[in-house]
N, C-alpha and C. Protein backbone atom coordinates (compact mmCIF):
# COMPACT_ATOMS: atom_id res chain seq x y z
N UNK A 1 0.82 -1.19 0.00
CA UNK A 1 0.00 0.00 0.00
C UNK A 1 0.87 1.27 0.00
N UNK A 2 1.97 1.23 0.77
CA UNK A 2 2.89 2.36 0.81
C UNK A 2 3.52 2.62 -0.55
N UNK A 3 3.87 1.54 -1.25
CA UNK A 3 4.46 1.68 -2.58
C UNK A 3 3.46 2.31 -3.54
N UNK A 4 2.20 1.93 -3.45
CA UNK A 4 1.16 2.49 -4.31
C UNK A 4 1.03 3.99 -4.10
N UNK A 5 1.01 4.42 -2.82
CA UNK A 5 0.93 5.86 -2.54
C UNK A 5 2.17 6.59 -3.07
N UNK A 6 3.33 5.97 -2.93
CA UNK A 6 4.56 6.57 -3.44
C UNK A 6 4.50 6.75 -4.95
N UNK A 7 4.09 5.70 -5.67
CA UNK A 7 4.02 5.75 -7.14
C UNK A 7 3.01 6.79 -7.59
N UNK A 8 1.85 6.84 -6.97
CA UNK A 8 0.84 7.84 -7.33
C UNK A 8 1.37 9.24 -7.05
N UNK A 9 2.05 9.41 -5.93
CA UNK A 9 2.62 10.72 -5.59
C UNK A 9 3.63 11.19 -6.61
N UNK A 10 4.49 10.28 -7.09
CA UNK A 10 5.48 10.64 -8.10
C UNK A 10 4.79 11.03 -9.40
N UNK A 11 3.82 10.26 -9.83
CA UNK A 11 3.11 10.57 -11.07
C UNK A 11 2.35 11.89 -10.98
N UNK A 12 1.69 12.12 -9.89
CA UNK A 12 0.98 13.38 -9.70
C UNK A 12 1.97 14.54 -9.65
N UNK A 13 3.07 14.34 -8.96
CA UNK A 13 4.10 15.38 -8.89
C UNK A 13 4.66 15.73 -10.26
N UNK A 14 4.89 14.74 -11.09
CA UNK A 14 5.38 15.01 -12.45
C UNK A 14 4.35 15.75 -13.25
N UNK A 15 3.11 15.36 -13.13
CA UNK A 15 2.04 16.04 -13.86
C UNK A 15 1.89 17.48 -13.41
N UNK A 16 1.95 17.73 -12.11
CA UNK A 16 1.84 19.10 -11.61
C UNK A 16 3.04 19.94 -12.00
N UNK A 17 4.23 19.31 -11.99
CA UNK A 17 5.44 20.04 -12.36
C UNK A 17 5.33 20.57 -13.78
N UNK A 18 4.88 19.77 -14.72
CA UNK A 18 4.74 20.21 -16.11
C UNK A 18 3.68 21.30 -16.23
N UNK A 19 2.57 21.17 -15.49
CA UNK A 19 1.53 22.17 -15.56
C UNK A 19 1.96 23.49 -14.94
N UNK A 20 2.80 23.44 -13.93
CA UNK A 20 3.25 24.66 -13.27
C UNK A 20 4.32 25.37 -14.09
N UNK A 21 5.25 24.63 -14.66
CA UNK A 21 6.37 25.23 -15.39
C UNK A 21 5.91 25.87 -16.69
N UNK A 22 5.12 25.17 -17.47
CA UNK A 22 4.76 25.66 -18.80
C UNK A 22 4.04 27.00 -18.76
N UNK A 23 2.98 27.18 -17.97
CA UNK A 23 2.32 28.48 -17.96
C UNK A 23 3.23 29.59 -17.45
N UNK A 24 4.03 29.32 -16.41
CA UNK A 24 4.87 30.38 -15.88
C UNK A 24 5.92 30.80 -16.89
N UNK A 25 6.43 29.87 -17.70
CA UNK A 25 7.39 30.22 -18.73
C UNK A 25 6.74 31.07 -19.80
N UNK A 26 5.53 30.71 -20.19
CA UNK A 26 4.84 31.48 -21.23
C UNK A 26 4.46 32.86 -20.72
N UNK A 27 3.98 32.95 -19.48
CA UNK A 27 3.56 34.23 -18.94
C UNK A 27 4.72 35.17 -18.71
N UNK A 28 5.89 34.63 -18.33
CA UNK A 28 7.03 35.48 -18.02
C UNK A 28 7.75 35.96 -19.27
N UNK A 29 7.39 35.43 -20.40
CA UNK A 29 8.08 35.78 -21.63
C UNK A 29 7.37 36.95 -22.30
N UNK A 30 7.89 38.16 -22.13
CA UNK A 30 7.23 39.35 -22.63
C UNK A 30 7.31 39.48 -24.15
N UNK A 31 8.22 38.78 -24.81
CA UNK A 31 8.37 38.87 -26.26
C UNK A 31 7.46 37.91 -27.01
N UNK A 32 6.64 37.17 -26.29
CA UNK A 32 5.71 36.22 -26.90
C UNK A 32 6.43 35.18 -27.76
N UNK A 33 7.63 34.78 -27.35
CA UNK A 33 8.36 33.74 -28.06
C UNK A 33 7.72 32.39 -27.82
N UNK A 34 7.80 31.53 -28.80
CA UNK A 34 7.31 30.17 -28.62
C UNK A 34 8.41 29.33 -28.00
N UNK A 35 8.06 28.13 -27.55
CA UNK A 35 9.06 27.23 -27.01
C UNK A 35 10.13 26.94 -28.04
N UNK A 36 9.75 26.82 -29.30
CA UNK A 36 10.72 26.52 -30.35
C UNK A 36 11.74 27.64 -30.47
N UNK A 37 11.29 28.90 -30.38
CA UNK A 37 12.21 30.03 -30.48
C UNK A 37 13.16 30.07 -29.30
N UNK A 38 12.67 29.73 -28.12
CA UNK A 38 13.51 29.72 -26.93
C UNK A 38 14.57 28.63 -27.04
N UNK A 39 14.19 27.50 -27.62
CA UNK A 39 15.10 26.36 -27.69
C UNK A 39 16.00 26.36 -28.92
N UNK A 40 15.83 27.33 -29.84
CA UNK A 40 16.67 27.37 -31.03
C UNK A 40 18.12 27.58 -30.62
N UNK A 41 19.04 26.91 -31.32
CA UNK A 41 20.47 27.09 -30.98
C UNK A 41 20.92 28.52 -31.28
N UNK A 42 21.65 29.09 -30.34
CA UNK A 42 22.11 30.46 -30.48
C UNK A 42 23.59 30.55 -30.13
N UNK A 43 24.27 31.53 -30.74
CA UNK A 43 25.67 31.80 -30.47
C UNK A 43 25.83 33.29 -30.19
N UNK A 44 27.01 33.67 -29.77
CA UNK A 44 27.37 35.08 -29.58
C UNK A 44 28.61 35.36 -30.42
N UNK A 45 28.80 36.62 -30.78
CA UNK A 45 29.97 36.98 -31.59
C UNK A 45 30.52 38.33 -31.14
N UNK A 46 31.84 38.45 -31.24
CA UNK A 46 32.52 39.71 -30.99
C UNK A 46 33.44 39.96 -32.18
N UNK A 47 33.55 41.23 -32.54
CA UNK A 47 34.45 41.63 -33.61
C UNK A 47 35.35 42.71 -33.06
N UNK A 48 36.67 42.41 -33.02
CA UNK A 48 37.67 43.31 -32.48
C UNK A 48 38.51 43.85 -33.62
N UNK A 49 38.30 45.13 -33.96
CA UNK A 49 39.05 45.74 -35.06
C UNK A 49 40.39 46.30 -34.59
N UNK A 50 40.58 46.33 -33.30
CA UNK A 50 41.75 46.99 -32.73
C UNK A 50 41.41 48.40 -32.30
N UNK A 51 40.35 48.97 -32.88
CA UNK A 51 39.86 50.28 -32.49
C UNK A 51 38.48 50.21 -31.86
N UNK A 52 37.67 49.27 -32.34
CA UNK A 52 36.31 49.08 -31.84
C UNK A 52 36.11 47.63 -31.45
N UNK A 53 35.19 47.41 -30.53
CA UNK A 53 34.78 46.06 -30.16
C UNK A 53 33.27 46.00 -30.30
N UNK A 54 32.82 45.20 -31.26
CA UNK A 54 31.39 45.04 -31.50
C UNK A 54 30.94 43.73 -30.90
N UNK A 55 29.79 43.72 -30.24
CA UNK A 55 29.29 42.50 -29.63
C UNK A 55 27.88 42.20 -30.08
N UNK A 56 27.59 40.93 -30.30
CA UNK A 56 26.28 40.47 -30.74
C UNK A 56 25.90 39.24 -29.92
N UNK A 57 24.72 39.26 -29.32
CA UNK A 57 24.26 38.17 -28.47
C UNK A 57 23.07 37.45 -29.09
N UNK A 58 22.89 36.21 -28.72
CA UNK A 58 21.71 35.42 -29.09
C UNK A 58 21.44 35.40 -30.59
N UNK A 59 22.45 35.06 -31.35
CA UNK A 59 22.32 34.95 -32.80
C UNK A 59 21.79 33.56 -33.13
N UNK A 60 20.65 33.51 -33.77
CA UNK A 60 20.03 32.24 -34.14
C UNK A 60 20.87 31.57 -35.23
N UNK A 61 21.24 30.30 -35.00
CA UNK A 61 22.04 29.59 -35.99
C UNK A 61 21.27 28.45 -36.65
N UNK A 62 19.95 28.49 -36.55
CA UNK A 62 19.14 27.45 -37.18
C UNK A 62 19.42 27.41 -38.68
N UNK A 63 19.45 28.57 -39.31
CA UNK A 63 19.71 28.65 -40.75
C UNK A 63 21.18 28.99 -41.04
N UNK A 64 21.85 29.65 -40.12
CA UNK A 64 23.23 30.07 -40.31
C UNK A 64 24.13 29.23 -39.42
N UNK A 65 24.52 28.07 -39.90
CA UNK A 65 25.22 27.12 -39.05
C UNK A 65 26.73 27.18 -39.07
N UNK A 66 27.33 28.13 -39.78
CA UNK A 66 28.79 28.25 -39.82
C UNK A 66 29.21 29.64 -39.35
N UNK A 67 30.48 29.78 -39.04
CA UNK A 67 31.01 31.07 -38.61
C UNK A 67 30.80 32.11 -39.72
N UNK A 68 31.06 31.73 -40.96
CA UNK A 68 30.88 32.66 -42.07
C UNK A 68 29.41 33.06 -42.21
N UNK A 69 28.48 32.10 -42.11
CA UNK A 69 27.06 32.40 -42.26
C UNK A 69 26.59 33.37 -41.18
N UNK A 70 27.12 33.24 -39.97
CA UNK A 70 26.76 34.16 -38.89
C UNK A 70 27.27 35.56 -39.22
N UNK A 71 28.52 35.67 -39.66
CA UNK A 71 29.08 36.98 -40.00
C UNK A 71 28.31 37.62 -41.15
N UNK A 72 27.98 36.83 -42.15
CA UNK A 72 27.21 37.33 -43.30
C UNK A 72 25.82 37.78 -42.85
N UNK A 73 25.18 36.99 -42.00
CA UNK A 73 23.85 37.32 -41.48
C UNK A 73 23.90 38.64 -40.72
N UNK A 74 24.91 38.80 -39.86
CA UNK A 74 25.04 40.03 -39.09
C UNK A 74 25.26 41.24 -39.99
N UNK A 75 26.08 41.08 -41.02
CA UNK A 75 26.35 42.21 -41.92
C UNK A 75 25.11 42.60 -42.72
N UNK A 76 24.23 41.63 -42.96
CA UNK A 76 22.98 41.95 -43.67
C UNK A 76 21.95 42.61 -42.75
N UNK A 77 22.04 42.35 -41.46
CA UNK A 77 21.08 42.90 -40.50
C UNK A 77 21.52 44.20 -39.86
N UNK A 78 22.81 44.41 -39.72
CA UNK A 78 23.34 45.56 -38.99
C UNK A 78 23.95 46.58 -39.95
N UNK A 79 23.41 47.79 -39.94
CA UNK A 79 23.94 48.84 -40.81
C UNK A 79 25.37 49.21 -40.44
N UNK A 80 25.73 49.02 -39.18
CA UNK A 80 27.06 49.41 -38.70
C UNK A 80 28.14 48.38 -39.00
N UNK A 81 27.78 47.31 -39.73
CA UNK A 81 28.74 46.24 -40.00
C UNK A 81 28.81 45.96 -41.49
N UNK A 82 30.00 46.18 -42.06
CA UNK A 82 30.22 45.85 -43.47
C UNK A 82 31.30 44.78 -43.57
N UNK A 83 31.08 43.83 -44.47
CA UNK A 83 31.99 42.70 -44.63
C UNK A 83 32.20 42.44 -46.11
N UNK A 84 33.46 42.19 -46.49
CA UNK A 84 33.73 41.69 -47.84
C UNK A 84 34.59 40.44 -47.70
N UNK A 85 34.44 39.54 -48.66
CA UNK A 85 35.14 38.26 -48.58
C UNK A 85 35.59 37.83 -49.96
N UNK A 86 36.46 36.82 -49.97
CA UNK A 86 36.92 36.20 -51.21
C UNK A 86 36.67 34.71 -51.09
N UNK A 87 36.00 34.15 -52.09
CA UNK A 87 35.71 32.72 -52.09
C UNK A 87 36.81 31.99 -52.84
N UNK A 88 37.53 31.12 -52.14
CA UNK A 88 38.60 30.34 -52.73
C UNK A 88 38.16 28.92 -53.05
N UNK A 89 36.88 28.72 -53.29
CA UNK A 89 36.36 27.41 -53.66
C UNK A 89 36.53 26.38 -52.58
N UNK A 90 37.23 25.30 -52.89
CA UNK A 90 37.40 24.20 -51.94
C UNK A 90 38.19 24.60 -50.70
N UNK A 91 39.06 25.58 -50.84
CA UNK A 91 39.85 26.04 -49.69
C UNK A 91 38.96 26.75 -48.69
N UNK A 92 37.97 27.48 -49.18
CA UNK A 92 37.02 28.15 -48.31
C UNK A 92 36.98 29.65 -48.48
N UNK A 93 36.18 30.26 -47.66
CA UNK A 93 35.93 31.70 -47.69
C UNK A 93 36.97 32.42 -46.83
N UNK A 94 37.53 33.50 -47.36
CA UNK A 94 38.46 34.31 -46.58
C UNK A 94 37.85 35.70 -46.41
N UNK A 95 37.82 36.18 -45.20
CA UNK A 95 37.32 37.52 -44.93
C UNK A 95 38.40 38.49 -45.38
N UNK A 96 38.01 39.43 -46.21
CA UNK A 96 38.95 40.40 -46.76
C UNK A 96 38.90 41.73 -46.02
N UNK A 97 37.70 42.10 -45.55
CA UNK A 97 37.52 43.42 -44.97
C UNK A 97 36.31 43.42 -44.04
N UNK A 98 36.47 43.99 -42.87
CA UNK A 98 35.35 44.24 -41.98
C UNK A 98 35.43 45.69 -41.55
N UNK A 99 34.37 46.44 -41.82
CA UNK A 99 34.27 47.86 -41.47
C UNK A 99 35.49 48.68 -41.88
N UNK A 100 36.02 48.39 -43.06
CA UNK A 100 37.14 49.16 -43.59
C UNK A 100 38.51 48.68 -43.16
N UNK A 101 38.58 47.68 -42.32
CA UNK A 101 39.87 47.12 -41.90
C UNK A 101 40.18 45.96 -42.84
N UNK A 102 41.12 46.21 -43.76
CA UNK A 102 41.39 45.29 -44.85
C UNK A 102 42.63 44.43 -44.56
N UNK A 103 42.50 43.13 -44.88
CA UNK A 103 43.62 42.20 -44.71
C UNK A 103 44.89 42.72 -45.35
N UNK A 104 46.00 42.51 -44.68
CA UNK A 104 47.30 42.85 -45.22
C UNK A 104 47.81 44.21 -44.82
N UNK A 105 46.91 45.12 -44.41
CA UNK A 105 47.36 46.44 -43.96
C UNK A 105 48.19 46.28 -42.69
N UNK A 106 49.43 46.75 -42.73
CA UNK A 106 50.36 46.66 -41.60
C UNK A 106 50.56 45.21 -41.13
N UNK A 107 50.47 44.27 -42.06
CA UNK A 107 50.66 42.84 -41.78
C UNK A 107 49.70 42.29 -40.73
N UNK A 108 48.48 42.81 -40.71
CA UNK A 108 47.45 42.24 -39.84
C UNK A 108 46.33 41.68 -40.72
N UNK A 109 45.68 40.66 -40.21
CA UNK A 109 44.67 39.93 -40.98
C UNK A 109 43.51 39.57 -40.07
N UNK A 110 42.36 39.30 -40.69
CA UNK A 110 41.19 38.84 -39.94
C UNK A 110 41.36 37.37 -39.62
N UNK A 111 41.24 37.05 -38.35
CA UNK A 111 41.34 35.67 -37.86
C UNK A 111 40.20 35.46 -36.87
N UNK A 112 39.83 34.20 -36.65
CA UNK A 112 38.75 33.97 -35.70
C UNK A 112 39.04 32.81 -34.76
N UNK A 113 38.41 32.91 -33.59
CA UNK A 113 38.48 31.91 -32.54
C UNK A 113 37.04 31.53 -32.19
N UNK A 114 36.83 30.29 -31.81
CA UNK A 114 35.53 29.85 -31.29
C UNK A 114 35.79 29.24 -29.92
N UNK A 115 35.12 29.79 -28.94
CA UNK A 115 35.30 29.35 -27.55
C UNK A 115 36.77 29.40 -27.13
N UNK A 116 37.45 30.48 -27.50
CA UNK A 116 38.86 30.73 -27.17
C UNK A 116 39.82 29.75 -27.82
N UNK A 117 39.41 29.05 -28.84
CA UNK A 117 40.31 28.17 -29.58
C UNK A 117 40.47 28.70 -31.00
N UNK A 118 41.74 28.89 -31.38
CA UNK A 118 42.03 29.39 -32.72
C UNK A 118 41.51 28.41 -33.77
N UNK A 119 40.83 28.94 -34.76
CA UNK A 119 40.25 28.09 -35.80
C UNK A 119 41.31 27.69 -36.81
N UNK A 120 41.31 26.42 -37.16
CA UNK A 120 42.29 25.93 -38.13
C UNK A 120 41.64 25.58 -39.46
N UNK A 121 40.38 26.00 -39.65
CA UNK A 121 39.70 25.82 -40.93
C UNK A 121 39.01 27.12 -41.30
N UNK A 122 38.56 27.21 -42.54
CA UNK A 122 37.92 28.45 -43.00
C UNK A 122 36.58 28.65 -42.30
N UNK A 123 36.15 29.91 -42.27
CA UNK A 123 34.91 30.27 -41.56
C UNK A 123 33.68 29.59 -42.14
N UNK A 124 33.68 29.35 -43.46
CA UNK A 124 32.50 28.72 -44.06
C UNK A 124 32.49 27.20 -43.85
N UNK A 125 33.56 26.65 -43.32
CA UNK A 125 33.62 25.22 -43.03
C UNK A 125 33.56 24.92 -41.53
N UNK A 126 33.49 25.95 -40.71
CA UNK A 126 33.46 25.76 -39.26
C UNK A 126 32.00 25.71 -38.80
N UNK A 127 31.53 24.52 -38.46
CA UNK A 127 30.15 24.33 -38.00
C UNK A 127 30.02 24.72 -36.54
N UNK A 128 29.01 25.50 -36.24
CA UNK A 128 28.77 25.97 -34.88
C UNK A 128 27.76 25.10 -34.16
N UNK A 129 27.82 25.18 -32.83
CA UNK A 129 26.81 24.51 -32.01
C UNK A 129 26.30 25.50 -30.97
N UNK A 130 25.19 25.17 -30.39
CA UNK A 130 24.53 26.03 -29.43
C UNK A 130 25.49 26.48 -28.33
N UNK A 131 25.51 27.78 -28.07
CA UNK A 131 26.32 28.33 -26.99
C UNK A 131 27.72 28.75 -27.38
N UNK A 132 28.14 28.49 -28.63
CA UNK A 132 29.48 28.88 -29.06
C UNK A 132 29.65 30.40 -29.01
N UNK A 133 30.88 30.83 -28.78
CA UNK A 133 31.23 32.25 -28.78
C UNK A 133 32.32 32.45 -29.83
N UNK A 134 32.03 33.31 -30.78
CA UNK A 134 32.94 33.59 -31.90
C UNK A 134 33.65 34.92 -31.63
N UNK A 135 34.96 34.94 -31.85
CA UNK A 135 35.72 36.18 -31.77
C UNK A 135 36.45 36.37 -33.08
N UNK A 136 36.12 37.44 -33.79
CA UNK A 136 36.88 37.87 -34.97
C UNK A 136 37.84 38.94 -34.49
N UNK A 137 39.11 38.80 -34.88
CA UNK A 137 40.12 39.76 -34.43
C UNK A 137 41.01 40.14 -35.60
N UNK A 138 41.24 41.43 -35.75
CA UNK A 138 42.13 41.97 -36.77
C UNK A 138 43.51 42.08 -36.14
N UNK A 139 44.37 41.10 -36.43
CA UNK A 139 45.62 41.00 -35.69
C UNK A 139 46.72 40.39 -36.55
N UNK A 140 47.93 40.47 -36.06
CA UNK A 140 49.09 39.88 -36.71
C UNK A 140 48.96 38.37 -36.69
N UNK A 141 49.51 37.72 -37.70
CA UNK A 141 49.46 36.26 -37.72
C UNK A 141 50.55 35.67 -36.84
N UNK A 142 51.42 36.52 -36.30
CA UNK A 142 52.47 36.04 -35.41
C UNK A 142 51.90 35.83 -34.02
N UNK A 143 52.27 34.76 -33.40
CA UNK A 143 51.88 34.53 -32.02
C UNK A 143 52.99 33.75 -31.35
N UNK A 144 53.02 33.84 -30.04
CA UNK A 144 54.04 33.16 -29.26
C UNK A 144 53.33 32.27 -28.25
N UNK A 145 53.74 31.03 -28.21
CA UNK A 145 53.17 30.08 -27.24
C UNK A 145 53.91 30.27 -25.92
N UNK A 146 53.18 30.61 -24.90
CA UNK A 146 53.75 30.84 -23.58
C UNK A 146 53.24 29.74 -22.66
N UNK A 147 54.17 28.99 -22.10
CA UNK A 147 53.77 27.92 -21.19
C UNK A 147 53.63 28.47 -19.78
N UNK A 148 52.56 28.06 -19.13
CA UNK A 148 52.30 28.54 -17.77
C UNK A 148 53.25 27.84 -16.79
N UNK A 149 53.69 28.59 -15.80
CA UNK A 149 54.52 28.04 -14.75
C UNK A 149 53.61 27.35 -13.74
N UNK A 150 53.67 26.04 -13.69
CA UNK A 150 52.77 25.26 -12.83
C UNK A 150 53.45 24.83 -11.54
N UNK A 151 54.60 25.38 -11.24
CA UNK A 151 55.32 24.98 -10.02
C UNK A 151 54.67 25.51 -8.76
N UNK A 152 53.77 26.49 -8.91
CA UNK A 152 52.99 27.00 -7.79
C UNK A 152 53.73 27.91 -6.95
């Protein structure tokens, strides 16, 4: 008999939990977003020109699933962002210019990182996943690997 009450209590609790969560989520959402919109995969992006830092949050990647597609989408939506690129076919897309900062000037180039990891493939071949953070940086291609002192 005790087991029966326990099982019924769990089932009722699960049913009440779903009924309580769903309306409160819908009511608290002032933008009238559907569950599908809330659950769509989204990324964030930053563009560092060396003079300006542009930030973009909650970029839907349902249709724009690569780093290049996100940058292209942003440039089509934002008047303050201009992008030009060169398509090298199988090698991939190379960003040539963002907001007037053109590759090769003073030996700096557009490069990107996803989740603080330097990308080793072209932007149009880099598939994104929910929660990724993209950083485009106009910087020298020279870098120095510095090992951390772990001796404490």
